[in-house]
Amino acid sequence: MSGKLVIVSTPIGNLDDVSPRVRSAIERADLVACEDTRHSGRLLAHLGVKKRMLSMHDHNERRRLPQLVEALEQGLTVAILSDAGTPLVNDPGFLLVREAAARGIRIEPIPGPSAILAALVVSALPPYPFTFLGFPPAKGVKRRRQFFRRFKELEHTLVFFESPHRIISCLSDALAEFGDRPSAVCRELTKLHEEVLRGPLSELHAILSKRPSVKGELVVVVGRDG
């Protein structure tokens, strides 16, 4: 009899966001597949749980598939954890979920924190319809502007991630392609130094440009045109 694949959402910063169901799911798992065993190890230590862990990240997920599928087909319960938030959404896990589904293996989601939804609801911008873009291209102004241009005519609120050292240039490129749309930059959501900046793209670009540096994890929300 096949086992079960459990998709476990974990905190995006504040460990108090761990639900009892998350703890139970991890306790019952035979194997935990996670992006970074050291990072997930700290979460398991916080929960007081010891489990066999196996790294599964963007660079090795395909190689891990046979091992994890074999474990599932032997009847084991495998839990997927990303470093923060919901697995698969800009994180590893999709290949494994697709393979498990194709083989008829039971898949169970444990819903929970998501930086995308947290930023969307705190942005004060229309929450739906929305489109999540992941990370814009890291290198090259031309590539990033072409990326934004693909979504320019979409009448959705747009949500994307960006790194602190690229946020200024990213906002500049977003402004060039989208115009001065209402937006929000959400930094360090659920953490001690949580910050939400709201205003036109030009204003947010100006505010962050004046800072000596920008630190923390960032989610950008861009409103619809008009």
Protein backbone atom coordinates (compact mmCIF):
# COMPACT_ATOMS: atom_id res chain seq x y z
CA MET A 1 0.00 0.00 0.00
CA SER A 2 1.30 3.43 -0.92
CA GLY A 3 2.21 5.95 1.72
CA LYS A 4 1.27 9.60 1.90
CA LEU A 5 2.89 12.83 0.74
CA VAL A 6 2.18 15.77 3.06
CA ILE A 7 2.77 19.36 1.91
CA VAL A 8 3.51 21.30 5.11
CA SER A 9 3.37 25.10 5.25
CA THR A 10 5.79 26.59 7.77
CA PRO A 11 6.22 30.08 9.30
CA ILE A 12 7.61 32.88 7.14
CA GLY A 13 9.36 34.37 10.16
CA ASN A 14 7.38 34.20 13.36
CA LEU A 15 7.55 30.72 14.89
CA ASP A 16 4.33 31.41 16.81
CA ASP A 17 2.56 30.84 13.49
CA VAL A 18 3.21 27.09 13.71
CA SER A 19 -0.16 25.36 13.97
CA PRO A 20 -0.86 22.23 16.04
CA ARG A 21 -1.60 20.45 12.77
CA VAL A 22 1.87 21.27 11.43
CA ARG A 23 3.46 19.80 14.55
CA SER A 24 1.30 16.69 14.27
CA ALA A 25 2.07 16.22 10.57
CA ILE A 26 5.81 16.41 11.16
CA GLU A 27 5.62 14.07 14.17
CA ARG A 28 3.78 11.48 12.09
CA ALA A 29 6.09 11.70 9.07
CA ASP A 30 8.66 8.98 8.46
CA LEU A 31 10.83 11.29 6.38
CA VAL A 32 11.07 15.09 5.99
CA ALA A 33 12.18 16.42 2.59
CA CYS A 34 13.30 20.03 2.99
CA GLU A 35 15.18 22.78 1.19
CA ASP A 36 17.85 23.16 3.85
CA THR A 37 18.23 20.54 6.56
CA ARG A 38 19.93 23.05 8.90
CA HIS A 39 17.10 25.56 8.55
CA SER A 40 14.34 22.97 8.96
CA GLY A 41 16.36 21.36 11.73
CA ARG A 42 15.95 24.55 13.78
CA LEU A 43 12.18 24.41 13.26
CA LEU A 44 12.05 20.76 14.32
CA ALA A 45 14.16 21.57 17.37
CA HIS A 46 11.71 24.35 18.25
CA LEU A 47 8.91 21.79 18.01
CA GLY A 48 10.87 19.24 20.00
CA VAL A 49 10.70 16.74 17.14
CA LYS A 50 13.51 14.57 15.74
CA LYS A 51 13.06 13.16 12.25
CA ARG A 52 15.15 11.82 9.42
CA MET A 53 15.64 14.70 7.00
CA LEU A 54 16.64 14.72 3.35
CA SER A 55 17.58 17.83 1.39
CA MET A 56 15.42 18.59 -1.64
CA HIS A 57 16.06 21.91 -3.32
CA ASP A 58 15.95 23.48 -6.77
CA HIS A 59 19.26 21.90 -7.81
CA ASN A 60 18.64 18.30 -6.73
CA GLU A 61 14.88 17.72 -6.74
CA ARG A 62 14.96 15.71 -9.95
CA ARG A 63 17.74 13.48 -8.58
CA ARG A 64 15.84 12.97 -5.33
CA LEU A 65 12.63 11.87 -7.06
CA PRO A 66 13.39 8.11 -7.34
CA GLN A 67 14.38 7.87 -3.66
CA LEU A 68 11.33 9.76 -2.42
CA VAL A 69 8.88 8.00 -4.72
CA GLU A 70 10.29 4.64 -3.60
CA ALA A 71 9.75 5.64 0.04
CA LEU A 72 6.15 6.60 -0.73
CA GLU A 73 5.47 3.37 -2.60
CA GLN A 74 6.84 1.40 0.35
CA GLY A 75 4.12 2.93 2.51
CA LEU A 76 6.08 5.70 4.24
CA THR A 77 4.74 9.17 4.98
CA VAL A 78 6.91 11.92 3.50
CA ALA A 79 6.52 15.56 4.54
CA ILE A 80 7.72 18.38 2.27
CA LEU A 81 8.95 21.56 3.97
CA SER A 82 10.32 24.69 2.36
CA ASP A 83 12.47 27.16 4.27
CA ALA A 84 9.46 29.42 4.79
CA GLY A 85 5.83 29.49 3.76
CA THR A 86 4.03 27.06 1.48
CA PRO A 87 6.09 24.51 -0.50
CA LEU A 88 5.93 24.52 -4.32
CA VAL A 89 5.03 28.24 -4.52
CA ASN A 90 8.37 29.57 -5.75
CA ASP A 91 9.93 26.67 -3.81
CA PRO A 92 10.79 23.02 -4.55
CA GLY A 93 8.25 20.23 -4.47
CA PHE A 94 6.27 20.46 -7.69
CA LEU A 95 8.10 17.62 -9.44
CA LEU A 96 7.52 15.30 -6.50
CA VAL A 97 3.85 16.23 -6.17
CA ARG A 98 3.28 15.73 -9.89
CA GLU A 99 4.96 12.32 -9.81
CA ALA A 100 3.04 11.26 -6.71
CA ALA A 101 -0.25 12.32 -8.29
CA ALA A 102 0.56 10.40 -11.48
CA ARG A 103 1.15 7.26 -9.40
CA GLY A 104 -2.06 7.64 -7.42
CA ILE A 105 -0.28 8.32 -4.14
CA ARG A 106 -2.31 10.21 -1.56
CA ILE A 107 -1.31 13.88 -1.22
CA GLU A 108 -2.40 15.97 1.74
CA PRO A 109 -1.91 19.75 2.06
CA ILE A 110 -1.35 21.36 5.47
CA PRO A 111 -2.23 25.01 4.76
CA GLY A 112 -0.56 27.84 6.59
CA PRO A 113 1.60 30.96 6.21
CA SER A 114 2.29 32.49 2.80
CA ALA A 115 4.28 35.68 2.25
CA ILE A 116 2.30 36.22 -0.95
CA LEU A 117 -1.08 36.30 0.76
CA ALA A 118 0.23 38.21 3.78
CA ALA A 119 1.58 40.97 1.52
CA LEU A 120 -1.55 41.01 -0.63
CA VAL A 121 -3.97 41.51 2.25
CA VAL A 122 -1.85 44.13 4.03
CA SER A 123 -1.09 46.13 0.86
CA ALA A 124 -4.51 47.88 0.82
CA LEU A 125 -4.69 47.06 -2.90
CA PRO A 126 -7.46 44.99 -4.57
CA PRO A 127 -6.81 41.41 -3.41
CA TYR A 128 -8.31 39.69 -6.44
CA PRO A 129 -7.80 38.85 -9.12
CA PHE A 130 -4.07 38.74 -8.51
CA THR A 131 -1.11 37.16 -10.24
CA PHE A 132 2.05 35.96 -8.52
CA LEU A 133 5.19 36.48 -10.62
CA GLY A 134 7.87 34.83 -8.49
CA PHE A 135 11.25 36.61 -8.72
CA PRO A 136 11.86 38.94 -11.69
CA PRO A 137 15.05 38.15 -13.65
CA ALA A 138 18.07 38.87 -11.48
CA LYS A 139 20.42 40.06 -14.22
CA GLY A 140 19.98 42.71 -16.89
CA VAL A 141 17.68 45.71 -17.08
CA LYS A 142 16.47 44.63 -20.52
CA ARG A 143 15.42 41.17 -19.33
CA ARG A 144 13.65 42.53 -16.27
CA ARG A 145 11.74 45.14 -18.27
CA GLN A 146 10.73 42.53 -20.83
CA PHE A 147 9.52 40.37 -17.94
CA PHE A 148 7.34 43.17 -16.52
CA ARG A 149 6.08 44.10 -20.00
CA ARG A 150 4.51 40.64 -20.32
CA PHE A 151 2.12 41.51 -17.48
CA LYS A 152 1.57 45.19 -18.24
CA GLU A 153 -1.88 44.77 -19.79
CA LEU A 154 -3.09 42.27 -17.21
CA GLU A 155 -5.83 43.85 -15.10
CA HIS A 156 -4.69 42.04 -11.98
CA THR A 157 -2.88 43.05 -8.83
CA LEU A 158 0.68 41.78 -9.26
CA VAL A 159 2.77 40.24 -6.47
CA PHE A 160 6.45 39.37 -6.70
CA PHE A 161 9.52 38.75 -4.56
CA GLU A 162 12.75 40.71 -4.74
CA SER A 163 16.10 40.69 -2.95
CA PRO A 164 17.23 43.71 -0.89
CA HIS A 165 20.22 44.52 -3.09
CA ARG A 166 18.08 44.60 -6.26
CA ILE A 167 14.95 46.31 -4.96
CA ILE A 168 15.91 49.84 -6.07
CA SER A 169 16.68 48.88 -9.66
CA CYS A 170 13.66 46.56 -9.72
CA LEU A 171 11.28 49.34 -8.67
CA SER A 172 12.84 51.61 -11.29
CA ASP A 173 12.17 49.03 -14.01
CA ALA A 174 8.65 48.39 -12.72
CA LEU A 175 7.95 52.12 -12.81
CA ALA A 176 9.27 52.35 -16.38
CA GLU A 177 6.98 49.55 -17.59
CA PHE A 178 3.85 49.89 -15.44
CA GLY A 179 3.78 53.63 -14.89
CA ASP A 180 3.27 55.17 -11.47
CA ARG A 181 0.80 52.61 -10.15
CA PRO A 182 -0.27 52.35 -6.50
CA SER A 183 1.97 49.79 -4.83
CA ALA A 184 3.31 48.38 -1.59
CA VAL A 185 6.68 47.08 -0.49
CA CYS A 186 6.38 44.64 2.40
CA ARG A 187 9.56 43.90 4.33
CA GLU A 188 10.24 41.25 6.97
CA LEU A 189 6.60 40.17 7.23
CA THR A 190 5.68 38.63 10.62
CA LYS A 191 9.14 39.43 11.99
CA LEU A 192 10.33 41.96 14.58
CA HIS A 193 11.14 44.67 12.02
CA GLU A 194 8.06 44.20 9.84
CA GLU A 195 7.42 47.21 7.61
CA VAL A 196 4.83 48.02 4.94
CA LEU A 197 5.36 50.98 2.64
CA ARG A 198 2.37 52.06 0.53
CA GLY A 199 2.19 54.62 -2.25
CA PRO A 200 2.92 55.18 -5.93
CA LEU A 201 5.89 53.27 -7.32
CA SER A 202 7.86 56.51 -7.69
CA GLU A 203 7.36 57.35 -4.02
CA LEU A 204 8.41 53.91 -2.82
CA HIS A 205 11.48 54.07 -5.06
CA ALA A 206 12.39 57.48 -3.61
CA ILE A 207 11.94 56.33 0.01
CA LEU A 208 14.10 53.25 -0.35
CA SER A 209 16.72 55.05 -2.47
CA LYS A 210 17.40 57.43 0.44
CA ARG A 211 18.27 54.60 2.82
CA PRO A 212 21.91 53.60 3.31
CA SER A 213 20.84 50.01 2.69
CA VAL A 214 17.75 47.86 2.48
CA LYS A 215 17.68 44.64 4.47
CA GLY A 216 15.34 41.72 4.92
CA GLU A 217 12.97 39.69 2.78
CA LEU A 218 10.77 41.71 0.45
CA VAL A 219 7.43 41.24 -1.28
CA VAL A 220 6.26 43.85 -3.78
CA VAL A 221 2.59 44.38 -4.64
CA VAL A 222 1.66 46.48 -7.67
CA GLY A 223 -1.92 47.62 -8.20
CA ARG A 224 -3.89 47.66 -11.42
CA ASP A 225 -3.54 50.41 -13.98
CA GLY A 226 -6.11 53.12 -13.24
